Amino acid sequence: MAMMSFFSRSKLLSHLHPQQGSTGANPPSSLHSRALHIELGAREKALLQEDPALKRFKSHKRNVWRLKRLGDALTIVVVAGCCWEIYVRAEMKKAAREKEQTHDG
């Protein structure tokens, strides 16, 4: 209940909810999100600026991309190798069966 009384006294909610006695032409649903925009303070602007200490980690994204591509290539090679192995074994069995049929027949 204490939290509810905090919200009822909150300045933000008093802007969002119409006054009890007023019947304005603009209902609360017509409020734009731009009306609630607050300018960034000095601290926020400083935090958004580029930090030279983190510049050495900028290449991290490129290395991850290369590693992902290498992993994709290796996956393709392994799948192709498995398919080749299955094909070779199937051909060997087929050749063995044909050889048995020529010897038996």
PDB file of N, CA and C in Angstrom:
ATOM      1  N   MET A   1       0.823  -1.190   0.000  1.00  0.00           N
ATOM      2  CA  MET A   1       0.000   0.000   0.000  1.00  0.00           C
ATOM      3  C   MET A   1       0.862   1.247   0.000  1.00  0.00           C
ATOM      4  N   ALA A   2       2.016   1.176   0.681  1.00  0.00           N
ATOM      5  CA  ALA A   2       2.923   2.321   0.730  1.00  0.00           C
ATOM      6  C   ALA A   2       3.420   2.664  -0.668  1.00  0.00           C
ATOM      7  N   MET A   3       3.640   1.629  -1.469  1.00  0.00           N
ATOM      8  CA  MET A   3       4.115   1.884  -2.824  1.00  0.00           C
ATOM      9  C   MET A   3       3.038   2.595  -3.651  1.00  0.00           C
ATOM     10  N   MET A   4       1.802   2.237  -3.426  1.00  0.00           N
ATOM     11  CA  MET A   4       0.707   2.867  -4.157  1.00  0.00           C
ATOM     12  C   MET A   4       0.608   4.346  -3.812  1.00  0.00           C
ATOM     13  N   SER A   5       0.805   4.683  -2.547  1.00  0.00           N
ATOM     14  CA  SER A   5       0.734   6.096  -2.168  1.00  0.00           C
ATOM     15  C   SER A   5       1.911   6.858  -2.762  1.00  0.00           C
ATOM     16  N   PHE A   6       3.054   6.176  -2.914  1.00  0.00           N
ATOM     17  CA  PHE A   6       4.196   6.823  -3.557  1.00  0.00           C
ATOM     18  C   PHE A   6       3.878   7.154  -5.005  1.00  0.00           C
ATOM     19  N   PHE A   7       3.263   6.176  -5.708  1.00  0.00           N
ATOM     20  CA  PHE A   7       2.924   6.413  -7.097  1.00  0.00           C
ATOM     21  C   PHE A   7       1.835   7.470  -7.252  1.00  0.00           C
ATOM     22  N   SER A   8       0.928   7.526  -6.305  1.00  0.00           N
ATOM     23  CA  SER A   8      -0.134   8.521  -6.430  1.00  0.00           C
ATOM     24  C   SER A   8       0.427   9.931  -6.247  1.00  0.00           C
ATOM     25  N   ARG A   9       1.501  10.059  -5.484  1.00  0.00           N
ATOM     26  CA  ARG A   9       2.119  11.369  -5.289  1.00  0.00           C
ATOM     27  C   ARG A   9       3.221  11.641  -6.301  1.00  0.00           C
ATOM     28  N   SER A  10       3.514  10.691  -7.106  1.00  0.00           N
ATOM     29  CA  SER A  10       4.617  10.827  -8.036  1.00  0.00           C
ATOM     30  C   SER A  10       4.326  11.929  -9.061  1.00  0.00           C
ATOM     31  N   LYS A  11       5.338  12.688  -9.343  1.00  0.00           N
ATOM     32  CA  LYS A  11       5.204  13.789 -10.295  1.00  0.00           C
ATOM     33  C   LYS A  11       4.971  13.250 -11.711  1.00  0.00           C
ATOM     34  N   LEU A  12       5.620  12.143 -12.019  1.00  0.00           N
ATOM     35  CA  LEU A  12       5.475  11.559 -13.346  1.00  0.00           C
ATOM     36  C   LEU A  12       4.039  11.123 -13.593  1.00  0.00           C
ATOM     37  N   LEU A  13       3.450  10.441 -12.630  1.00  0.00           N
ATOM     38  CA  LEU A  13       2.085   9.970 -12.820  1.00  0.00           C
ATOM     39  C   LEU A  13       1.085  11.116 -12.826  1.00  0.00           C
ATOM     40  N   SER A  14       1.396  12.208 -12.141  1.00  0.00           N
ATOM     41  CA  SER A  14       0.477  13.335 -12.173  1.00  0.00           C
ATOM     42  C   SER A  14       0.447  13.958 -13.569  1.00  0.00           C
ATOM     43  N   HIS A  15       1.531  13.811 -14.313  1.00  0.00           N
ATOM     44  CA  HIS A  15       1.535  14.291 -15.699  1.00  0.00           C
ATOM     45  C   HIS A  15       0.785  13.343 -16.627  1.00  0.00           C
ATOM     46  N   LEU A  16       0.830  12.055 -16.308  1.00  0.00           N
ATOM     47  CA  LEU A  16       0.186  11.076 -17.173  1.00  0.00           C
ATOM     48  C   LEU A  16      -1.316  11.004 -16.965  1.00  0.00           C
ATOM     49  N   HIS A  17      -1.779  11.176 -15.736  1.00  0.00           N
ATOM     50  CA  HIS A  17      -3.195  11.083 -15.439  1.00  0.00           C
ATOM     51  C   HIS A  17      -3.817  12.475 -15.441  1.00  0.00           C
ATOM     52  N   PRO A  18      -5.020  12.591 -15.998  1.00  0.00           N
ATOM     53  CA  PRO A  18      -5.668  13.902 -15.993  1.00  0.00           C
ATOM     54  C   PRO A  18      -6.103  14.278 -14.574  1.00  0.00           C
ATOM     55  N   GLN A  19      -6.284  15.547 -14.351  1.00  0.00           N
ATOM     56  CA  GLN A  19      -6.759  16.027 -13.060  1.00  0.00           C
ATOM     57  C   GLN A  19      -8.182  15.521 -12.835  1.00  0.00           C
ATOM     58  N   GLN A  20      -8.559  15.371 -11.586  1.00  0.00           N
ATOM     59  CA  GLN A  20      -9.854  14.786 -11.261  1.00  0.00           C
ATOM     60  C   GLN A  20     -11.016  15.614 -11.817  1.00  0.00           C
ATOM     61  N   GLY A  21     -10.962  16.927 -11.679  1.00  0.00           N
ATOM     62  CA  GLY A  21     -12.092  17.749 -12.074  1.00  0.00           C
ATOM     63  C   GLY A  21     -12.037  18.235 -13.511  1.00  0.00           C
ATOM     64  N   SER A  22     -10.893  18.049 -14.185  1.00  0.00           N
ATOM     65  CA  SER A  22     -10.773  18.611 -15.542  1.00  0.00           C
ATOM     66  C   SER A  22     -11.276  17.617 -16.576  1.00  0.00           C
ATOM     67  N   THR A  23     -11.948  18.150 -17.556  1.00  0.00           N
ATOM     68  CA  THR A  23     -12.368  17.344 -18.700  1.00  0.00           C
ATOM     69  C   THR A  23     -11.791  18.021 -19.928  1.00  0.00           C
ATOM     70  N   GLY A  24     -10.537  17.736 -20.201  1.00  0.00           N
ATOM     71  CA  GLY A  24      -9.834  18.374 -21.309  1.00  0.00           C
ATOM     72  C   GLY A  24     -10.170  17.718 -22.628  1.00  0.00           C
ATOM     73  N   ALA A  25      -9.798  18.401 -23.691  1.00  0.00           N
ATOM     74  CA  ALA A  25     -10.040  17.879 -25.026  1.00  0.00           C
ATOM     75  C   ALA A  25      -9.036  16.778 -25.366  1.00  0.00           C
ATOM     76  N   ASN A  26      -7.891  16.766 -24.695  1.00  0.00           N
ATOM     77  CA  ASN A  26      -6.863  15.768 -24.974  1.00  0.00           C
ATOM     78  C   ASN A  26      -6.876  14.694 -23.901  1.00  0.00           C
ATOM     79  N   PRO A  27      -7.353  13.515 -24.217  1.00  0.00           N
ATOM     80  CA  PRO A  27      -7.322  12.429 -23.233  1.00  0.00           C
ATOM     81  C   PRO A  27      -5.875  11.975 -23.025  1.00  0.00           C
ATOM     82  N   PRO A  28      -5.579  11.247 -21.927  1.00  0.00           N
ATOM     83  CA  PRO A  28      -4.210  10.828 -21.643  1.00  0.00           C
ATOM     84  C   PRO A  28      -3.620   9.925 -22.717  1.00  0.00           C
ATOM     85  N   SER A  29      -4.463   9.227 -23.477  1.00  0.00           N
ATOM     86  CA  SER A  29      -3.940   8.349 -24.519  1.00  0.00           C
ATOM     87  C   SER A  29      -3.312   9.134 -25.660  1.00  0.00           C
ATOM     88  N   SER A  30      -3.570  10.426 -25.735  1.00  0.00           N
ATOM     89  CA  SER A  30      -3.014  11.222 -26.823  1.00  0.00           C
ATOM     90  C   SER A  30      -1.660  11.817 -26.465  1.00  0.00           C
ATOM     91  N   LEU A  31      -1.153  11.509 -25.255  1.00  0.00           N
ATOM     92  CA  LEU A  31       0.169  12.008 -24.879  1.00  0.00           C
ATOM     93  C   LEU A  31       1.227  11.340 -25.743  1.00  0.00           C
ATOM     94  N   HIS A  32       2.168  12.103 -26.190  1.00  0.00           N
ATOM     95  CA  HIS A  32       3.242  11.565 -27.015  1.00  0.00           C
ATOM     96  C   HIS A  32       4.420  11.198 -26.136  1.00  0.00           C
ATOM     97  N   SER A  33       5.178  10.212 -26.573  1.00  0.00           N
ATOM     98  CA  SER A  33       6.335   9.810 -25.790  1.00  0.00           C
ATOM     99  C   SER A  33       7.394  10.910 -25.804  1.00  0.00           C
ATOM    100  N   ARG A  34       7.373  11.768 -26.819  1.00  0.00           N
ATOM    101  CA  ARG A  34       8.339  12.860 -26.866  1.00  0.00           C
ATOM    102  C   ARG A  34       8.086  13.870 -25.757  1.00  0.00           C
ATOM    103  N   ALA A  35       6.897  13.926 -25.255  1.00  0.00           N
ATOM    104  CA  ALA A  35       6.589  14.877 -24.198  1.00  0.00           C
ATOM    105  C   ALA A  35       7.304  14.503 -22.907  1.00  0.00           C
ATOM    106  N   LEU A  36       7.706  13.251 -22.763  1.00  0.00           N
ATOM    107  CA  LEU A  36       8.368  12.808 -21.560  1.00  0.00           C
ATOM    108  C   LEU A  36       9.888  12.781 -21.708  1.00  0.00           C
ATOM    109  N   HIS A  37      10.420  13.282 -22.813  1.00  0.00           N
ATOM    110  CA  HIS A  37      11.857  13.244 -23.052  1.00  0.00           C
ATOM    111  C   HIS A  37      12.597  14.145 -22.073  1.00  0.00           C
ATOM    112  N   ILE A  38      13.681  13.623 -21.539  1.00  0.00           N
ATOM    113  CA  ILE A  38      14.512  14.382 -20.611  1.00  0.00           C
ATOM    114  C   ILE A  38      15.893  14.494 -21.232  1.00  0.00           C
ATOM    115  N   GLU A  39      16.455  15.671 -21.234  1.00  0.00           N
ATOM    116  CA  GLU A  39      17.797  15.873 -21.783  1.00  0.00           C
ATOM    117  C   GLU A  39      18.819  15.103 -20.968  1.00  0.00           C
ATOM    118  N   LEU A  40      19.851  14.606 -21.651  1.00  0.00           N
ATOM    119  CA  LEU A  40      20.913  13.894 -20.964  1.00  0.00           C
ATOM    120  C   LEU A  40      21.735  14.859 -20.130  1.00  0.00           C
ATOM    121  N   GLY A  41      22.135  14.388 -18.979  1.00  0.00           N
ATOM    122  CA  GLY A  41      22.975  15.198 -18.115  1.00  0.00           C
ATOM    123  C   GLY A  41      24.435  15.067 -18.496  1.00  0.00           C
ATOM    124  N   ALA A  42      25.296  15.763 -17.794  1.00  0.00           N
ATOM    125  CA  ALA A  42      26.729  15.733 -18.086  1.00  0.00           C
ATOM    126  C   ALA A  42      27.302  14.335 -17.875  1.00  0.00           C
ATOM    127  N   ARG A  43      26.837  13.647 -16.847  1.00  0.00           N
ATOM    128  CA  ARG A  43      27.346  12.303 -16.565  1.00  0.00           C
ATOM    129  C   ARG A  43      26.977  11.327 -17.679  1.00  0.00           C
ATOM    130  N   GLU A  44      25.723  11.391 -18.129  1.00  0.00           N
ATOM    131  CA  GLU A  44      25.283  10.501 -19.208  1.00  0.00           C
ATOM    132  C   GLU A  44      26.039  10.778 -20.494  1.00  0.00           C
ATOM    133  N   LYS A  45      26.246  12.063 -20.799  1.00  0.00           N
ATOM    134  CA  LYS A  45      26.999  12.416 -22.005  1.00  0.00           C
ATOM    135  C   LYS A  45      28.432  11.926 -21.908  1.00  0.00           C
ATOM    136  N   ALA A  46      29.041  12.007 -20.721  1.00  0.00           N
ATOM    137  CA  ALA A  46      30.406  11.521 -20.534  1.00  0.00           C
ATOM    138  C   ALA A  46      30.471  10.009 -20.689  1.00  0.00           C
ATOM    139  N   LEU A  47      29.447   9.309 -20.225  1.00  0.00           N
ATOM    140  CA  LEU A  47      29.434   7.859 -20.353  1.00  0.00           C
ATOM    141  C   LEU A  47      29.256   7.411 -21.796  1.00  0.00           C
ATOM    142  N   LEU A  48      28.588   8.209 -22.593  1.00  0.00           N
ATOM    143  CA  LEU A  48      28.358   7.850 -23.992  1.00  0.00           C
ATOM    144  C   LEU A  48      29.536   8.177 -24.897  1.00  0.00           C
ATOM    145  N   GLN A  49      30.488   8.972 -24.418  1.00  0.00           N
ATOM    146  CA  GLN A  49      31.652   9.302 -25.233  1.00  0.00           C
ATOM    147  C   GLN A  49      32.566   8.088 -25.354  1.00  0.00           C
ATOM    148  N   GLU A  50      33.354   8.058 -26.439  1.00  0.00           N
ATOM    149  CA  GLU A  50      34.257   6.940 -26.678  1.00  0.00           C
ATOM    150  C   GLU A  50      35.377   6.947 -25.645  1.00  0.00           C
ATOM    151  N   ASP A  51      35.641   5.768 -25.096  1.00  0.00           N
ATOM    152  CA  ASP A  51      36.674   5.636 -24.067  1.00  0.00           C
ATOM    153  C   ASP A  51      37.947   5.099 -24.717  1.00  0.00           C
ATOM    154  N   PRO A  52      39.064   5.842 -24.649  1.00  0.00           N
ATOM    155  CA  PRO A  52      40.299   5.374 -25.281  1.00  0.00           C
ATOM    156  C   PRO A  52      40.850   4.095 -24.640  1.00  0.00           C
ATOM    157  N   ALA A  53      40.535   3.839 -23.381  1.00  0.00           N
ATOM    158  CA  ALA A  53      41.015   2.623 -22.715  1.00  0.00           C
ATOM    159  C   ALA A  53      40.374   1.370 -23.311  1.00  0.00           C
ATOM    160  N   LEU A  54      39.191   1.522 -23.899  1.00  0.00           N
ATOM    161  CA  LEU A  54      38.492   0.367 -24.477  1.00  0.00           C
ATOM    162  C   LEU A  54      38.768   0.202 -25.964  1.00  0.00           C
ATOM    163  N   LYS A  55      39.572   1.071 -26.535  1.00  0.00           N
ATOM    164  CA  LYS A  55      39.820   1.051 -27.968  1.00  0.00           C
ATOM    165  C   LYS A  55      40.498  -0.253 -28.406  1.00  0.00           C
ATOM    166  N   ARG A  56      41.332  -0.836 -27.542  1.00  0.00           N
ATOM    167  CA  ARG A  56      42.030  -2.065 -27.924  1.00  0.00           C
ATOM    168  C   ARG A  56      41.082  -3.250 -28.051  1.00  0.00           C
ATOM    169  N   PHE A  57      39.896  -3.176 -27.484  1.00  0.00           N
ATOM    170  CA  PHE A  57      38.920  -4.260 -27.586  1.00  0.00           C
ATOM    171  C   PHE A  57      38.022  -4.116 -28.804  1.00  0.00           C
ATOM    172  N   LYS A  58      38.204  -3.066 -29.581  1.00  0.00           N
ATOM    173  CA  LYS A  58      37.342  -2.819 -30.734  1.00  0.00           C
ATOM    174  C   LYS A  58      37.501  -3.913 -31.789  1.00  0.00           C
ATOM    175  N   SER A  59      38.686  -4.487 -31.908  1.00  0.00           N
ATOM    176  CA  SER A  59      38.917  -5.530 -32.904  1.00  0.00           C
ATOM    177  C   SER A  59      38.280  -6.857 -32.496  1.00  0.00           C
ATOM    178  N   HIS A  60      37.796  -6.945 -31.284  1.00  0.00           N
ATOM    179  CA  HIS A  60      37.179  -8.177 -30.782  1.00  0.00           C
ATOM    180  C   HIS A  60      36.053  -8.638 -31.707  1.00  0.00           C
ATOM    181  N   LYS A  61      35.256  -7.706 -32.196  1.00  0.00           N
ATOM    182  CA  LYS A  61      34.115  -8.055 -33.037  1.00  0.00           C
ATOM    183  C   LYS A  61      34.584  -8.702 -34.340  1.00  0.00           C
ATOM    184  N   ARG A  62      35.658  -8.178 -34.917  1.00  0.00           N
ATOM    185  CA  ARG A  62      36.187  -8.724 -36.170  1.00  0.00           C
ATOM    186  C   ARG A  62      36.739 -10.124 -35.939  1.00  0.00           C
ATOM    187  N   ASN A  63      37.423 -10.341 -34.813  1.00  0.00           N
ATOM    188  CA  ASN A  63      37.976 -11.665 -34.525  1.00  0.00           C
ATOM    189  C   ASN A  63      36.873 -12.689 -34.311  1.00  0.00           C
ATOM    190  N   VAL A  64      35.807 -12.291 -33.665  1.00  0.00           N
ATOM    191  CA  VAL A  64      34.678 -13.203 -33.467  1.00  0.00           C
ATOM    192  C   VAL A  64      34.063 -13.564 -34.811  1.00  0.00           C
ATOM    193  N   TRP A  65      33.951 -12.592 -35.708  1.00  0.00           N
ATOM    194  CA  TRP A  65      33.388 -12.851 -37.037  1.00  0.00           C
ATOM    195  C   TRP A  65      34.266 -13.847 -37.790  1.00  0.00           C
ATOM    196  N   ARG A  66      35.597 -13.665 -37.725  1.00  0.00           N
ATOM    197  CA  ARG A  66      36.510 -14.578 -38.416  1.00  0.00           C
ATOM    198  C   ARG A  66      36.431 -15.982 -37.821  1.00  0.00           C
ATOM    199  N   LEU A  67      36.379 -16.059 -36.506  1.00  0.00           N
ATOM    200  CA  LEU A  67      36.289 -17.360 -35.852  1.00  0.00           C
ATOM    201  C   LEU A  67      34.990 -18.067 -36.220  1.00  0.00           C
ATOM    202  N   LYS A  68      33.914 -17.305 -36.348  1.00  0.00           N
ATOM    203  CA  LYS A  68      32.635 -17.890 -36.740  1.00  0.00           C
ATOM    204  C   LYS A  68      32.719 -18.435 -38.162  1.00  0.00           C
ATOM    205  N   ARG A  69      33.329 -17.685 -39.056  1.00  0.00           N
ATOM    206  CA  ARG A  69      33.491 -18.140 -40.443  1.00  0.00           C
ATOM    207  C   ARG A  69      34.358 -19.395 -40.507  1.00  0.00           C
ATOM    208  N   LEU A  70      35.422 -19.430 -39.707  1.00  0.00           N
ATOM    209  CA  LEU A  70      36.284 -20.600 -39.670  1.00  0.00           C
ATOM    210  C   LEU A  70      35.497 -21.812 -39.161  1.00  0.00           C
ATOM    211  N   GLY A  71      34.698 -21.612 -38.137  1.00  0.00           N
ATOM    212  CA  GLY A  71      33.863 -22.691 -37.621  1.00  0.00           C
ATOM    213  C   GLY A  71      32.864 -23.183 -38.658  1.00  0.00           C
ATOM    214  N   ASP A  72      32.282 -22.248 -39.407  1.00  0.00           N
ATOM    215  CA  ASP A  72      31.350 -22.643 -40.474  1.00  0.00           C
ATOM    216  C   ASP A  72      32.063 -23.475 -41.535  1.00  0.00           C
ATOM    217  N   ALA A  73      33.273 -23.044 -41.917  1.00  0.00           N
ATOM    218  CA  ALA A  73      34.030 -23.772 -42.938  1.00  0.00           C
ATOM    219  C   ALA A  73      34.398 -25.168 -42.435  1.00  0.00           C
ATOM    220  N   LEU A  74      34.838 -25.258 -41.193  1.00  0.00           N
ATOM    221  CA  LEU A  74      35.183 -26.565 -40.633  1.00  0.00           C
ATOM    222  C   LEU A  74      33.963 -27.485 -40.551  1.00  0.00           C
ATOM    223  N   THR A  75      32.827 -26.930 -40.237  1.00  0.00           N
ATOM    224  CA  THR A  75      31.606 -27.727 -40.182  1.00  0.00           C
ATOM    225  C   THR A  75      31.279 -28.298 -41.558  1.00  0.00           C
ATOM    226  N   ILE A  76      31.420 -27.466 -42.583  1.00  0.00           N
ATOM    227  CA  ILE A  76      31.154 -27.930 -43.952  1.00  0.00           C
ATOM    228  C   ILE A  76      32.130 -29.033 -44.337  1.00  0.00           C
ATOM    229  N   VAL A  77      33.409 -28.870 -43.977  1.00  0.00           N
ATOM    230  CA  VAL A  77      34.411 -29.875 -44.306  1.00  0.00           C
ATOM    231  C   VAL A  77      34.103 -31.198 -43.594  1.00  0.00           C
ATOM    232  N   VAL A  78      33.721 -31.132 -42.324  1.00  0.00           N
ATOM    233  CA  VAL A  78      33.414 -32.359 -41.570  1.00  0.00           C
ATOM    234  C   VAL A  78      32.186 -33.054 -42.149  1.00  0.00           C
ATOM    235  N   VAL A  79      31.158 -32.291 -42.481  1.00  0.00           N
ATOM    236  CA  VAL A  79      29.948 -32.897 -43.063  1.00  0.00           C
ATOM    237  C   VAL A  79      30.271 -33.511 -44.416  1.00  0.00           C
ATOM    238  N   ALA A  80      31.065 -32.820 -45.225  1.00  0.00           N
ATOM    239  CA  ALA A  80      31.443 -33.375 -46.532  1.00  0.00           C
ATOM    240  C   ALA A  80      32.264 -34.651 -46.349  1.00  0.00           C
ATOM    241  N   GLY A  81      33.164 -34.665 -45.370  1.00  0.00           N
ATOM    242  CA  GLY A  81      33.959 -35.861 -45.103  1.00  0.00           C
ATOM    243  C   GLY A  81      33.089 -37.031 -44.670  1.00  0.00           C
ATOM    244  N   CYS A  82      32.106 -36.762 -43.818  1.00  0.00           N
ATOM    245  CA  CYS A  82      31.195 -37.818 -43.386  1.00  0.00           C
ATOM    246  C   CYS A  82      30.387 -38.364 -44.565  1.00  0.00           C
ATOM    247  N   CYS A  83      29.910 -37.476 -45.400  1.00  0.00           N
ATOM    248  CA  CYS A  83      29.152 -37.916 -46.583  1.00  0.00           C
ATOM    249  C   CYS A  83      30.032 -38.748 -47.505  1.00  0.00           C
ATOM    250  N   TRP A  84      31.277 -38.334 -47.689  1.00  0.00           N
ATOM    251  CA  TRP A  84      32.206 -39.080 -48.538  1.00  0.00           C
ATOM    252  C   TRP A  84      32.456 -40.471 -47.955  1.00  0.00           C
ATOM    253  N   GLU A  85      32.662 -40.543 -46.639  1.00  0.00           N
ATOM    254  CA  GLU A  85      32.901 -41.824 -45.988  1.00  0.00           C
ATOM    255  C   GLU A  85      31.699 -42.750 -46.159  1.00  0.00           C
ATOM    256  N   ILE A  86      30.510 -42.240 -46.005  1.00  0.00           N
ATOM    257  CA  ILE A  86      29.296 -43.045 -46.199  1.00  0.00           C
ATOM    258  C   ILE A  86      29.215 -43.531 -47.639  1.00  0.00           C
ATOM    259  N   TYR A  87      29.528 -42.655 -48.582  1.00  0.00           N
ATOM    260  CA  TYR A  87      29.488 -43.029 -50.001  1.00  0.00           C
ATOM    261  C   TYR A  87      30.510 -44.130 -50.296  1.00  0.00           C
ATOM    262  N   VAL A  88      31.733 -43.979 -49.789  1.00  0.00           N
ATOM    263  CA  VAL A  88      32.783 -44.964 -50.056  1.00  0.00           C
ATOM    264  C   VAL A  88      32.408 -46.316 -49.467  1.00  0.00           C
ATOM    265  N   ARG A  89      31.893 -46.330 -48.238  1.00  0.00           N
ATOM    266  CA  ARG A  89      31.494 -47.606 -47.623  1.00  0.00           C
ATOM    267  C   ARG A  89      30.350 -48.260 -48.391  1.00  0.00           C
ATOM    268  N   ALA A  90      29.403 -47.438 -48.854  1.00  0.00           N
ATOM    269  CA  ALA A  90      28.286 -47.991 -49.633  1.00  0.00           C
ATOM    270  C   ALA A  90      28.802 -48.582 -50.945  1.00  0.00           C
ATOM    271  N   GLU A  91      29.733 -47.918 -51.589  1.00  0.00           N
ATOM    272  CA  GLU A  91      30.284 -48.433 -52.848  1.00  0.00           C
ATOM    273  C   GLU A  91      31.092 -49.712 -52.602  1.00  0.00           C
ATOM    274  N   MET A  92      31.821 -49.748 -51.466  1.00  0.00           N
ATOM    275  CA  MET A  92      32.593 -50.949 -51.162  1.00  0.00           C
ATOM    276  C   MET A  92      31.665 -52.140 -50.921  1.00  0.00           C
ATOM    277  N   LYS A  93      30.553 -51.919 -50.198  1.00  0.00           N
ATOM    278  CA  LYS A  93      29.592 -52.997 -49.973  1.00  0.00           C
ATOM    279  C   LYS A  93      28.962 -53.442 -51.282  1.00  0.00           C
ATOM    280  N   LYS A  94      28.657 -52.479 -52.135  1.00  0.00           N
ATOM    281  CA  LYS A  94      28.055 -52.801 -53.426  1.00  0.00           C
ATOM    282  C   LYS A  94      29.031 -53.629 -54.276  1.00  0.00           C
ATOM    283  N   ALA A  95      30.295 -53.226 -54.266  1.00  0.00           N
ATOM    284  CA  ALA A  95      31.305 -53.963 -55.034  1.00  0.00           C
ATOM    285  C   ALA A  95      31.500 -55.361 -54.463  1.00  0.00           C
ATOM    286  N   ALA A  96      31.461 -55.489 -53.124  1.00  0.00           N
ATOM    287  CA  ALA A  96      31.619 -56.800 -52.497  1.00  0.00           C
ATOM    288  C   ALA A  96      30.445 -57.708 -52.846  1.00  0.00           C
ATOM    289  N   ARG A  97      29.224 -57.140 -52.852  1.00  0.00           N
ATOM    290  CA  ARG A  97      28.047 -57.923 -53.215  1.00  0.00           C
ATOM    291  C   ARG A  97      28.129 -58.391 -54.669  1.00  0.00           C
ATOM    292  N   GLU A  98      28.558 -57.524 -55.560  1.00  0.00           N
ATOM    293  CA  GLU A  98      28.666 -57.886 -56.967  1.00  0.00           C
ATOM    294  C   GLU A  98      29.737 -58.957 -57.151  1.00  0.00           C
ATOM    295  N   LYS A  99      30.821 -58.846 -56.396  1.00  0.00           N
ATOM    296  CA  LYS A  99      31.894 -59.811 -56.494  1.00  0.00           C
ATOM    297  C   LYS A  99      31.409 -61.191 -56.009  1.00  0.00           C
ATOM    298  N   GLU A 100      30.619 -61.211 -54.912  1.00  0.00           N
ATOM    299  CA  GLU A 100      30.082 -62.472 -54.406  1.00  0.00           C
ATOM    300  C   GLU A 100      29.121 -63.092 -55.424  1.00  0.00           C
ATOM    301  N   GLN A 101      28.317 -62.256 -56.061  1.00  0.00           N
ATOM    302  CA  GLN A 101      27.350 -62.776 -57.031  1.00  0.00           C
ATOM    303  C   GLN A 101      28.057 -63.353 -58.243  1.00  0.00           C
ATOM    304  N   THR A 102      29.168 -62.753 -58.656  1.00  0.00           N
ATOM    305  CA  THR A 102      29.889 -63.309 -59.821  1.00  0.00           C
ATOM    306  C   THR A 102      30.587 -64.615 -59.453  1.00  0.00           C
ATOM    307  N   HIS A 103      31.060 -64.735 -58.202  1.00  0.00           N
ATOM    308  CA  HIS A 103      31.703 -65.970 -57.768  1.00  0.00           C
ATOM    309  C   HIS A 103      30.684 -67.081 -57.543  1.00  0.00           C
ATOM    310  N   ASP A 104      29.503 -66.735 -57.040  1.00  0.00           N
ATOM    311  CA  ASP A 104      28.475 -67.747 -56.767  1.00  0.00           C
ATOM    312  C   ASP A 104      27.740 -68.164 -58.037  1.00  0.00           C
ATOM    313  N   GLY A 105      27.610 -67.249 -58.953  1.00  0.00           N
ATOM    314  CA  GLY A 105      26.771 -67.503 -60.111  1.00  0.00           C
ATOM    315  C   GLY A 105      27.415 -68.239 -61.189  1.00  0.00           C
TER     316      GLY A 105
END
